[in-house]
């Protein structure tokens, strides 16, 4: 897992799947649905490697390891 700290101090978690970013022809942004997380991106890993794509999968606020937005409480 990787994490980025937002300007308000919350954590945004993400994961990379597929081909290594340095060798990937393109990067695809994967946004999971309700009741999922960045780990759903693992389902795309093999196909992404095969096609030379890198997949960035991000946890939505309040899902997985990303902090909930204060207005969501």
N, C-alpha and C. Protein backbone atom coordinates (compact mmCIF):
# COMPACT_ATOMS: atom_id res chain seq x y z
N UNK A 1 0.83 -1.18 0.00
CA UNK A 1 0.00 0.00 0.00
C UNK A 1 0.87 1.24 0.00
N UNK A 2 0.42 2.22 -0.72
CA UNK A 2 1.04 3.54 -0.71
C UNK A 2 0.00 4.51 -0.17
N UNK A 3 0.46 5.62 0.34
CA UNK A 3 -0.48 6.62 0.85
C UNK A 3 0.04 8.02 0.54
N UNK A 4 -0.89 8.91 0.36
CA UNK A 4 -0.60 10.32 0.08
C UNK A 4 -1.35 11.12 1.14
N UNK A 5 -0.69 12.11 1.75
CA UNK A 5 -1.35 12.95 2.73
C UNK A 5 -1.94 14.17 2.03
N UNK A 6 -3.24 14.34 2.18
CA UNK A 6 -3.94 15.46 1.57
C UNK A 6 -3.69 16.74 2.37
N UNK A 7 -4.02 17.88 1.79
CA UNK A 7 -3.75 19.17 2.44
C UNK A 7 -4.47 19.32 3.78
N UNK A 8 -5.59 18.60 3.98
CA UNK A 8 -6.30 18.69 5.26
C UNK A 8 -5.84 17.64 6.26
N UNK A 9 -4.78 16.89 5.91
CA UNK A 9 -4.19 15.91 6.82
C UNK A 9 -4.72 14.50 6.68
N UNK A 10 -5.81 14.31 5.90
CA UNK A 10 -6.35 12.96 5.71
C UNK A 10 -5.41 12.15 4.82
N UNK A 11 -5.49 10.84 4.93
CA UNK A 11 -4.68 9.93 4.14
C UNK A 11 -5.49 9.38 2.97
N UNK A 12 -4.88 9.36 1.79
CA UNK A 12 -5.48 8.76 0.60
C UNK A 12 -4.60 7.57 0.22
N UNK A 13 -5.17 6.36 0.27
CA UNK A 13 -4.41 5.14 -0.01
C UNK A 13 -4.58 4.74 -1.48
N UNK A 14 -3.51 4.16 -2.05
CA UNK A 14 -3.56 3.72 -3.43
C UNK A 14 -2.60 2.56 -3.65
N UNK A 15 -2.76 1.87 -4.77
CA UNK A 15 -1.88 0.76 -5.13
C UNK A 15 -1.65 0.78 -6.63
N UNK A 16 -0.48 0.32 -7.02
CA UNK A 16 -0.14 0.17 -8.44
C UNK A 16 -0.22 -1.29 -8.82
N UNK A 17 -0.79 -1.59 -9.97
CA UNK A 17 -0.91 -2.94 -10.51
C UNK A 17 -0.45 -2.92 -11.96
N UNK A 18 -0.24 -4.09 -12.53
CA UNK A 18 0.13 -4.19 -13.94
C UNK A 18 1.61 -4.02 -14.17
N UNK A 19 1.92 -3.53 -15.37
CA UNK A 19 3.32 -3.34 -15.77
C UNK A 19 3.97 -2.25 -14.92
N UNK A 20 5.28 -2.37 -14.71
CA UNK A 20 5.97 -1.30 -13.97
C UNK A 20 5.75 0.05 -14.66
N UNK A 21 5.55 1.09 -13.87
CA UNK A 21 5.25 2.41 -14.44
C UNK A 21 6.29 2.88 -15.44
N UNK A 22 7.55 2.58 -15.19
CA UNK A 22 8.61 3.05 -16.09
C UNK A 22 8.52 2.42 -17.47
N UNK A 23 7.96 1.22 -17.56
CA UNK A 23 7.89 0.52 -18.84
C UNK A 23 6.49 0.54 -19.46
N UNK A 24 5.52 1.06 -18.73
CA UNK A 24 4.12 1.04 -19.21
C UNK A 24 3.90 2.06 -20.32
N UNK A 25 3.13 1.63 -21.33
CA UNK A 25 2.77 2.53 -22.42
C UNK A 25 1.79 3.58 -21.93
N UNK A 26 0.88 3.18 -21.05
CA UNK A 26 -0.16 4.08 -20.52
C UNK A 26 -0.49 3.67 -19.10
N UNK A 27 -1.07 4.63 -18.37
CA UNK A 27 -1.57 4.37 -17.02
C UNK A 27 -3.08 4.49 -17.04
N UNK A 28 -3.74 3.52 -16.43
CA UNK A 28 -5.20 3.50 -16.34
C UNK A 28 -5.57 3.78 -14.88
N UNK A 29 -6.54 4.67 -14.68
CA UNK A 29 -7.02 4.97 -13.33
C UNK A 29 -8.22 4.07 -13.03
N UNK A 30 -8.12 3.28 -11.96
CA UNK A 30 -9.20 2.38 -11.55
C UNK A 30 -9.87 2.95 -10.31
N UNK A 31 -11.17 3.20 -10.39
CA UNK A 31 -11.95 3.68 -9.24
C UNK A 31 -12.97 2.60 -8.88
N UNK A 32 -12.83 2.03 -7.71
CA UNK A 32 -13.69 0.93 -7.29
C UNK A 32 -15.10 1.41 -6.97
N UNK A 33 -16.00 0.45 -6.91
CA UNK A 33 -17.40 0.73 -6.57
C UNK A 33 -17.63 0.60 -5.08
N UNK A 34 -18.91 0.66 -4.70
CA UNK A 34 -19.31 0.57 -3.30
C UNK A 34 -18.88 -0.77 -2.70
N UNK A 35 -18.46 -0.74 -1.46
CA UNK A 35 -18.03 -1.93 -0.70
C UNK A 35 -16.80 -2.62 -1.30
N UNK A 36 -15.92 -1.87 -1.90
CA UNK A 36 -14.67 -2.42 -2.43
C UNK A 36 -13.53 -1.53 -1.95
N UNK A 37 -12.34 -1.78 -2.50
CA UNK A 37 -11.17 -0.97 -2.14
C UNK A 37 -10.17 -1.01 -3.29
N UNK A 38 -9.03 -0.40 -3.08
CA UNK A 38 -7.97 -0.39 -4.09
C UNK A 38 -7.53 -1.80 -4.45
N UNK A 39 -7.76 -2.76 -3.57
CA UNK A 39 -7.34 -4.14 -3.81
C UNK A 39 -8.08 -4.78 -4.97
N UNK A 40 -9.24 -4.24 -5.33
CA UNK A 40 -9.99 -4.74 -6.48
C UNK A 40 -9.15 -4.61 -7.76
N UNK A 41 -8.24 -3.67 -7.79
CA UNK A 41 -7.35 -3.49 -8.94
C UNK A 41 -6.50 -4.71 -9.24
N UNK A 42 -6.29 -5.57 -8.25
CA UNK A 42 -5.51 -6.79 -8.45
C UNK A 42 -6.14 -7.68 -9.52
N UNK A 43 -7.46 -7.57 -9.68
CA UNK A 43 -8.15 -8.37 -10.70
C UNK A 43 -7.72 -7.97 -12.11
N UNK A 44 -7.17 -6.78 -12.26
CA UNK A 44 -6.74 -6.28 -13.57
C UNK A 44 -5.26 -6.53 -13.84
N UNK A 45 -4.54 -7.00 -12.83
CA UNK A 45 -3.08 -7.10 -12.92
C UNK A 45 -2.58 -7.91 -14.12
N UNK A 46 -3.01 -9.14 -14.26
CA UNK A 46 -2.49 -10.00 -15.33
C UNK A 46 -2.76 -9.42 -16.72
N UNK A 47 -3.98 -8.94 -16.95
CA UNK A 47 -4.30 -8.36 -18.26
C UNK A 47 -3.52 -7.08 -18.50
N UNK A 48 -3.32 -6.29 -17.46
CA UNK A 48 -2.55 -5.05 -17.61
C UNK A 48 -1.10 -5.36 -17.98
N UNK A 49 -0.51 -6.35 -17.32
CA UNK A 49 0.86 -6.75 -17.66
C UNK A 49 0.93 -7.21 -19.11
N UNK A 50 -0.01 -8.04 -19.51
CA UNK A 50 -0.04 -8.57 -20.88
C UNK A 50 -0.09 -7.46 -21.92
N UNK A 51 -0.80 -6.38 -21.61
CA UNK A 51 -0.98 -5.29 -22.57
C UNK A 51 -0.07 -4.09 -22.31
N UNK A 52 0.86 -4.24 -21.37
CA UNK A 52 1.82 -3.18 -21.09
C UNK A 52 1.23 -1.95 -20.44
N UNK A 53 0.19 -2.15 -19.64
CA UNK A 53 -0.47 -1.04 -18.96
C UNK A 53 -0.15 -1.04 -17.47
N UNK A 54 -0.13 0.13 -16.90
CA UNK A 54 0.02 0.30 -15.46
C UNK A 54 -1.34 0.74 -14.93
N UNK A 55 -1.77 0.20 -13.80
CA UNK A 55 -3.08 0.52 -13.24
C UNK A 55 -2.89 1.17 -11.86
N UNK A 56 -3.43 2.38 -11.70
CA UNK A 56 -3.43 3.07 -10.42
C UNK A 56 -4.82 2.89 -9.82
N UNK A 57 -4.88 2.24 -8.67
CA UNK A 57 -6.15 1.96 -8.00
C UNK A 57 -6.19 2.72 -6.68
N UNK A 58 -7.20 3.56 -6.51
CA UNK A 58 -7.28 4.48 -5.37
C UNK A 58 -8.46 4.11 -4.46
N UNK A 59 -8.22 4.12 -3.15
CA UNK A 59 -9.32 3.95 -2.19
C UNK A 59 -10.14 5.23 -2.14
N UNK A 60 -11.44 5.11 -2.24
CA UNK A 60 -12.31 6.28 -2.10
C UNK A 60 -12.31 6.72 -0.62
N UNK A 61 -12.66 7.97 -0.34
CA UNK A 61 -12.71 8.43 1.06
C UNK A 61 -13.61 7.53 1.91
N UNK A 62 -13.06 7.07 3.03
CA UNK A 62 -13.81 6.23 3.94
C UNK A 62 -13.76 4.75 3.59
N UNK A 63 -13.10 4.39 2.49
CA UNK A 63 -12.99 2.98 2.08
C UNK A 63 -11.54 2.54 2.21
N UNK A 64 -11.36 1.25 2.50
CA UNK A 64 -10.00 0.73 2.62
C UNK A 64 -9.21 1.51 3.65
N UNK A 65 -8.05 2.02 3.25
CA UNK A 65 -7.19 2.77 4.17
C UNK A 65 -7.25 4.27 3.97
N UNK A 66 -8.18 4.75 3.17
CA UNK A 66 -8.34 6.20 2.99
C UNK A 66 -9.26 6.75 4.08
N UNK A 67 -8.86 7.89 4.62
CA UNK A 67 -9.64 8.51 5.70
C UNK A 67 -10.96 9.07 5.17
N UNK A 68 -11.97 8.97 5.99
CA UNK A 68 -13.28 9.49 5.66
C UNK A 68 -13.26 11.02 5.66
N UNK A 69 -14.02 11.61 4.78
CA UNK A 69 -14.15 13.06 4.76
C UNK A 69 -15.03 13.46 5.95
N UNK A 70 -14.69 14.56 6.65
CA UNK A 70 -15.46 14.95 7.85
C UNK A 70 -16.97 15.08 7.60
N UNK A 71 -17.39 15.49 6.41
CA UNK A 71 -18.81 15.64 6.13
C UNK A 71 -19.50 14.31 5.89
N UNK A 72 -18.73 13.19 5.83
CA UNK A 72 -19.33 11.87 5.64
C UNK A 72 -19.80 11.26 6.96
N UNK A 73 -19.34 11.81 8.05
CA UNK A 73 -19.65 11.23 9.38
C UNK A 73 -21.09 11.45 9.74
